[in-house]
Amino acid sequence: MDENIINEGKTLGLVAYLTLLGTLIAYFMNQDKHNPFTAFHIRQGLGLGITYILIAFVISSFDSMMISMSFWLFFSVLYLYGIYGAVSGKRNKLPLLGDLFQKVFNSIG
């Protein structure tokens, strides 16, 4: 991928990981540019956000601080990994689910 494309997409790639609202903002701002680097991070951020909500719904039924903190720590690491990839200009797929997010949200971008 061209270095110019990556530099243009870094900011929106970062925004894609800032909650689902940030993902929507990055998605709509990328509609004019069609930057593939940004689209990659939008797909990763959207998948991570949806997975977070779905698993949080299940985790909330447990009344255990240890389970809740483990869940929160796990997703914090994944979000930081995605943010680091966007800022450093790399297309690192998230561990475990990154390939699935790219396939499921392939039409985004």
N, C-alpha and C. Protein backbone atom coordinates (compact mmCIF):
# COMPACT_ATOMS: atom_id res chain seq x y z
N MET A 1 0.84 -1.17 0.00
CA MET A 1 0.00 0.00 0.00
C MET A 1 0.89 1.24 0.00
N ASP A 2 0.47 2.24 -0.72
CA ASP A 2 1.22 3.48 -0.86
C ASP A 2 1.31 4.22 0.47
N GLU A 3 2.46 4.78 0.76
CA GLU A 3 2.69 5.52 2.01
C GLU A 3 1.77 6.74 2.12
N ASN A 4 1.45 7.36 1.01
CA ASN A 4 0.56 8.52 1.02
C ASN A 4 -0.86 8.13 1.45
N ILE A 5 -1.33 6.99 0.98
CA ILE A 5 -2.66 6.50 1.36
C ILE A 5 -2.71 6.22 2.86
N ILE A 6 -1.65 5.61 3.38
CA ILE A 6 -1.60 5.31 4.81
C ILE A 6 -1.60 6.58 5.63
N ASN A 7 -0.79 7.57 5.25
CA ASN A 7 -0.73 8.82 6.00
C ASN A 7 -2.07 9.57 5.99
N GLU A 8 -2.77 9.52 4.86
CA GLU A 8 -4.06 10.17 4.79
C GLU A 8 -5.12 9.46 5.65
N GLY A 9 -4.97 8.16 5.84
CA GLY A 9 -5.97 7.39 6.56
C GLY A 9 -5.71 7.17 8.03
N LYS A 10 -4.57 7.63 8.53
CA LYS A 10 -4.22 7.38 9.93
C LYS A 10 -5.22 7.99 10.91
N THR A 11 -5.62 9.22 10.68
CA THR A 11 -6.51 9.90 11.62
C THR A 11 -7.86 9.21 11.70
N LEU A 12 -8.45 8.93 10.55
CA LEU A 12 -9.75 8.26 10.57
C LEU A 12 -9.63 6.81 11.04
N GLY A 13 -8.49 6.20 10.82
CA GLY A 13 -8.25 4.86 11.35
C GLY A 13 -8.25 4.86 12.87
N LEU A 14 -7.68 5.89 13.46
CA LEU A 14 -7.69 6.05 14.91
C LEU A 14 -9.10 6.31 15.41
N VAL A 15 -9.82 7.19 14.75
CA VAL A 15 -11.19 7.53 15.15
C VAL A 15 -12.09 6.30 15.11
N ALA A 16 -11.82 5.37 14.22
CA ALA A 16 -12.65 4.16 14.08
C ALA A 16 -12.67 3.31 15.35
N TYR A 17 -11.67 3.44 16.20
CA TYR A 17 -11.62 2.65 17.43
C TYR A 17 -12.21 3.38 18.63
N LEU A 18 -12.64 4.61 18.46
CA LEU A 18 -13.17 5.38 19.58
C LEU A 18 -14.68 5.21 19.65
N THR A 19 -15.14 4.16 20.25
CA THR A 19 -16.54 3.77 20.42
C THR A 19 -17.21 3.55 19.06
N LEU A 20 -18.43 3.07 19.10
CA LEU A 20 -19.16 2.84 17.85
C LEU A 20 -19.50 4.16 17.16
N LEU A 21 -19.66 5.22 17.94
CA LEU A 21 -19.91 6.53 17.33
C LEU A 21 -18.70 6.97 16.50
N GLY A 22 -17.51 6.74 17.01
CA GLY A 22 -16.30 7.05 16.25
C GLY A 22 -16.19 6.23 14.98
N THR A 23 -16.63 4.98 15.06
CA THR A 23 -16.63 4.12 13.87
C THR A 23 -17.58 4.68 12.82
N LEU A 24 -18.75 5.11 13.24
CA LEU A 24 -19.70 5.71 12.29
C LEU A 24 -19.17 7.00 11.69
N ILE A 25 -18.54 7.82 12.49
CA ILE A 25 -17.96 9.07 11.99
C ILE A 25 -16.88 8.76 10.95
N ALA A 26 -15.99 7.82 11.27
CA ALA A 26 -14.93 7.45 10.32
C ALA A 26 -15.52 6.87 9.05
N TYR A 27 -16.57 6.08 9.18
CA TYR A 27 -17.21 5.47 8.01
C TYR A 27 -17.76 6.55 7.07
N PHE A 28 -18.52 7.49 7.61
CA PHE A 28 -19.13 8.51 6.76
C PHE A 28 -18.10 9.50 6.21
N MET A 29 -17.06 9.78 6.96
CA MET A 29 -16.01 10.67 6.45
C MET A 29 -15.17 9.99 5.38
N ASN A 30 -15.11 8.67 5.40
CA ASN A 30 -14.33 7.92 4.41
C ASN A 30 -15.12 7.67 3.13
N GLN A 31 -16.39 7.97 3.11
CA GLN A 31 -17.21 7.72 1.92
C GLN A 31 -16.72 8.52 0.71
N ASP A 32 -16.23 9.72 0.94
CA ASP A 32 -15.73 10.54 -0.18
C ASP A 32 -14.34 10.10 -0.64
N LYS A 33 -13.51 9.69 0.30
CA LYS A 33 -12.11 9.38 -0.01
C LYS A 33 -11.89 7.93 -0.45
N HIS A 34 -12.65 7.02 0.08
CA HIS A 34 -12.49 5.58 -0.20
C HIS A 34 -11.06 5.11 0.08
N ASN A 35 -10.54 5.48 1.24
CA ASN A 35 -9.19 5.11 1.63
C ASN A 35 -9.20 3.66 2.14
N PRO A 36 -8.45 2.75 1.51
CA PRO A 36 -8.47 1.34 1.93
C PRO A 36 -7.87 1.11 3.32
N PHE A 37 -6.91 1.93 3.71
CA PHE A 37 -6.33 1.81 5.05
C PHE A 37 -7.37 2.15 6.12
N THR A 38 -8.11 3.22 5.90
CA THR A 38 -9.16 3.60 6.83
C THR A 38 -10.27 2.56 6.85
N ALA A 39 -10.64 2.05 5.69
CA ALA A 39 -11.69 1.03 5.61
C ALA A 39 -11.30 -0.22 6.40
N PHE A 40 -10.03 -0.60 6.33
CA PHE A 40 -9.56 -1.75 7.10
C PHE A 40 -9.80 -1.53 8.59
N HIS A 41 -9.42 -0.37 9.10
CA HIS A 41 -9.57 -0.09 10.53
C HIS A 41 -11.03 0.15 10.92
N ILE A 42 -11.84 0.63 10.00
CA ILE A 42 -13.27 0.75 10.28
C ILE A 42 -13.87 -0.64 10.49
N ARG A 43 -13.52 -1.58 9.64
CA ARG A 43 -14.04 -2.95 9.78
C ARG A 43 -13.57 -3.57 11.10
N GLN A 44 -12.31 -3.36 11.45
CA GLN A 44 -11.80 -3.90 12.71
C GLN A 44 -12.49 -3.24 13.92
N GLY A 45 -12.63 -1.93 13.88
CA GLY A 45 -13.27 -1.20 14.98
C GLY A 45 -14.74 -1.55 15.13
N LEU A 46 -15.45 -1.68 14.01
CA LEU A 46 -16.86 -2.05 14.06
C LEU A 46 -17.04 -3.45 14.64
N GLY A 47 -16.24 -4.38 14.18
CA GLY A 47 -16.32 -5.74 14.70
C GLY A 47 -16.00 -5.81 16.18
N LEU A 48 -14.99 -5.07 16.59
CA LEU A 48 -14.60 -5.06 18.00
C LEU A 48 -15.70 -4.44 18.86
N GLY A 49 -16.29 -3.37 18.39
CA GLY A 49 -17.36 -2.71 19.14
C GLY A 49 -18.60 -3.58 19.29
N ILE A 50 -19.00 -4.23 18.22
CA ILE A 50 -20.17 -5.11 18.27
C ILE A 50 -19.89 -6.32 19.16
N THR A 51 -18.71 -6.90 19.04
CA THR A 51 -18.34 -8.04 19.88
C THR A 51 -18.31 -7.64 21.35
N TYR A 52 -17.80 -6.46 21.63
CA TYR A 52 -17.76 -5.95 23.00
C TYR A 52 -19.17 -5.87 23.58
N ILE A 53 -20.10 -5.32 22.84
CA ILE A 53 -21.47 -5.17 23.33
C ILE A 53 -22.13 -6.53 23.55
N LEU A 54 -21.96 -7.44 22.61
CA LEU A 54 -22.58 -8.75 22.74
C LEU A 54 -22.04 -9.53 23.93
N ILE A 55 -20.74 -9.53 24.09
CA ILE A 55 -20.15 -10.27 25.21
C ILE A 55 -20.44 -9.56 26.53
N ALA A 56 -20.47 -8.23 26.53
CA ALA A 56 -20.78 -7.49 27.76
C ALA A 56 -22.19 -7.81 28.24
N PHE A 57 -23.09 -8.03 27.31
CA PHE A 57 -24.46 -8.39 27.69
C PHE A 57 -24.47 -9.71 28.45
N VAL A 58 -23.68 -10.67 28.02
CA VAL A 58 -23.60 -11.96 28.70
C VAL A 58 -22.85 -11.83 30.02
N ILE A 59 -21.74 -11.12 30.02
CA ILE A 59 -20.91 -10.96 31.22
C ILE A 59 -21.68 -10.23 32.32
N SER A 60 -22.56 -9.32 31.95
CA SER A 60 -23.30 -8.55 32.95
C SER A 60 -24.24 -9.42 33.79
N SER A 61 -24.58 -10.60 33.29
CA SER A 61 -25.45 -11.49 34.06
C SER A 61 -24.70 -12.15 35.22
N PHE A 62 -23.37 -12.19 35.15
CA PHE A 62 -22.58 -12.73 36.25
C PHE A 62 -22.38 -11.65 37.30
N ASP A 63 -22.38 -12.04 38.52
CA ASP A 63 -22.17 -11.07 39.60
C ASP A 63 -20.78 -11.28 40.18
N SER A 64 -19.77 -11.11 39.31
CA SER A 64 -18.40 -11.35 39.73
C SER A 64 -17.51 -10.21 39.23
N MET A 65 -16.86 -9.57 40.16
CA MET A 65 -15.94 -8.49 39.80
C MET A 65 -14.74 -9.03 39.03
N MET A 66 -14.30 -10.24 39.35
CA MET A 66 -13.15 -10.82 38.66
C MET A 66 -13.45 -11.07 37.18
N ILE A 67 -14.62 -11.58 36.88
CA ILE A 67 -15.00 -11.82 35.49
C ILE A 67 -15.14 -10.49 34.75
N SER A 68 -15.76 -9.52 35.37
CA SER A 68 -15.95 -8.22 34.73
C SER A 68 -14.63 -7.52 34.45
N MET A 69 -13.72 -7.56 35.40
CA MET A 69 -12.42 -6.91 35.21
C MET A 69 -11.58 -7.63 34.16
N SER A 70 -11.66 -8.95 34.13
CA SER A 70 -10.94 -9.71 33.10
C SER A 70 -11.46 -9.37 31.72
N PHE A 71 -12.76 -9.28 31.59
CA PHE A 71 -13.39 -8.90 30.33
C PHE A 71 -12.94 -7.51 29.90
N TRP A 72 -13.00 -6.57 30.83
CA TRP A 72 -12.63 -5.19 30.53
C TRP A 72 -11.15 -5.10 30.13
N LEU A 73 -10.29 -5.80 30.83
CA LEU A 73 -8.87 -5.79 30.53
C LEU A 73 -8.58 -6.39 29.16
N PHE A 74 -9.24 -7.49 28.84
CA PHE A 74 -9.06 -8.15 27.55
C PHE A 74 -9.43 -7.21 26.40
N PHE A 75 -10.58 -6.56 26.50
CA PHE A 75 -10.99 -5.67 25.42
C PHE A 75 -10.18 -4.38 25.39
N SER A 76 -9.70 -3.93 26.53
CA SER A 76 -8.82 -2.75 26.54
C SER A 76 -7.55 -3.03 25.76
N VAL A 77 -6.99 -4.22 25.95
CA VAL A 77 -5.77 -4.61 25.22
C VAL A 77 -6.06 -4.67 23.72
N LEU A 78 -7.21 -5.24 23.34
CA LEU A 78 -7.55 -5.32 21.92
C LEU A 78 -7.73 -3.93 21.30
N TYR A 79 -8.41 -3.04 22.02
CA TYR A 79 -8.58 -1.68 21.51
C TYR A 79 -7.23 -0.96 21.37
N LEU A 80 -6.38 -1.11 22.37
CA LEU A 80 -5.06 -0.47 22.29
C LEU A 80 -4.22 -1.04 21.15
N TYR A 81 -4.35 -2.34 20.90
CA TYR A 81 -3.65 -2.98 19.79
C TYR A 81 -4.12 -2.39 18.45
N GLY A 82 -5.43 -2.21 18.32
CA GLY A 82 -5.98 -1.62 17.10
C GLY A 82 -5.56 -0.17 16.93
N ILE A 83 -5.61 0.59 18.01
CA ILE A 83 -5.20 2.00 17.95
C ILE A 83 -3.73 2.12 17.59
N TYR A 84 -2.90 1.27 18.18
CA TYR A 84 -1.47 1.29 17.86
C TYR A 84 -1.24 1.00 16.38
N GLY A 85 -1.96 0.03 15.84
CA GLY A 85 -1.82 -0.29 14.42
C GLY A 85 -2.23 0.87 13.53
N ALA A 86 -3.31 1.56 13.90
CA ALA A 86 -3.79 2.69 13.09
C ALA A 86 -2.80 3.84 13.14
N VAL A 87 -2.28 4.14 14.31
CA VAL A 87 -1.35 5.27 14.46
C VAL A 87 0.00 4.97 13.80
N SER A 88 0.45 3.73 13.89
CA SER A 88 1.76 3.39 13.33
C SER A 88 1.70 3.09 11.84
N GLY A 89 0.50 3.07 11.25
CA GLY A 89 0.37 2.86 9.81
C GLY A 89 0.43 1.40 9.40
N LYS A 90 0.05 0.51 10.29
CA LYS A 90 0.08 -0.92 9.99
C LYS A 90 -1.34 -1.46 9.90
N ARG A 91 -1.48 -2.51 9.12
CA ARG A 91 -2.78 -3.18 8.99
C ARG A 91 -2.75 -4.49 9.77
N ASN A 92 -2.60 -4.37 11.08
CA ASN A 92 -2.58 -5.55 11.94
C ASN A 92 -4.01 -5.99 12.23
N LYS A 93 -4.31 -7.23 11.89
CA LYS A 93 -5.62 -7.76 12.23
C LYS A 93 -5.63 -8.09 13.72
N LEU A 94 -6.79 -7.89 14.33
CA LEU A 94 -6.93 -8.19 15.74
C LEU A 94 -6.79 -9.69 15.96
N PRO A 95 -6.16 -10.09 17.06
CA PRO A 95 -6.01 -11.52 17.33
C PRO A 95 -7.37 -12.20 17.47
N LEU A 96 -7.44 -13.41 17.04
CA LEU A 96 -8.61 -14.29 17.14
C LEU A 96 -9.73 -13.93 16.16
N LEU A 97 -10.16 -12.69 16.10
CA LEU A 97 -11.36 -12.33 15.33
C LEU A 97 -11.11 -11.41 14.15
N GLY A 98 -9.90 -10.94 13.96
CA GLY A 98 -9.61 -9.98 12.91
C GLY A 98 -9.97 -10.46 11.51
N ASP A 99 -9.66 -11.70 11.21
CA ASP A 99 -10.00 -12.25 9.89
C ASP A 99 -11.51 -12.32 9.69
N LEU A 100 -12.22 -12.70 10.74
CA LEU A 100 -13.68 -12.78 10.68
C LEU A 100 -14.28 -11.39 10.43
N PHE A 101 -13.77 -10.38 11.12
CA PHE A 101 -14.28 -9.01 10.92
C PHE A 101 -14.08 -8.54 9.49
N GLN A 102 -12.93 -8.88 8.92
CA GLN A 102 -12.66 -8.47 7.53
C GLN A 102 -13.60 -9.15 6.55
N LYS A 103 -13.96 -10.40 6.82
CA LYS A 103 -14.87 -11.13 5.93
C LYS A 103 -16.31 -10.66 6.09
N VAL A 104 -16.76 -10.53 7.34
CA VAL A 104 -18.16 -10.18 7.60
C VAL A 104 -18.46 -8.76 7.12
N PHE A 105 -17.57 -7.83 7.37
CA PHE A 105 -17.78 -6.43 7.01
C PHE A 105 -17.05 -6.06 5.72
N ASN A 106 -16.90 -7.00 4.81
CA ASN A 106 -16.16 -6.78 3.58
C ASN A 106 -16.78 -5.68 2.72
N SER A 107 -18.08 -5.51 2.79
CA SER A 107 -18.73 -4.49 1.96
C SER A 107 -18.48 -3.07 2.45
N ILE A 108 -17.96 -2.93 3.67
CA ILE A 108 -17.66 -1.59 4.20
C ILE A 108 -16.32 -1.15 3.64
N GLY A 109 -16.31 0.00 3.06
CA GLY A 109 -15.05 0.51 2.55
C GLY A 109 -15.20 0.94 1.15
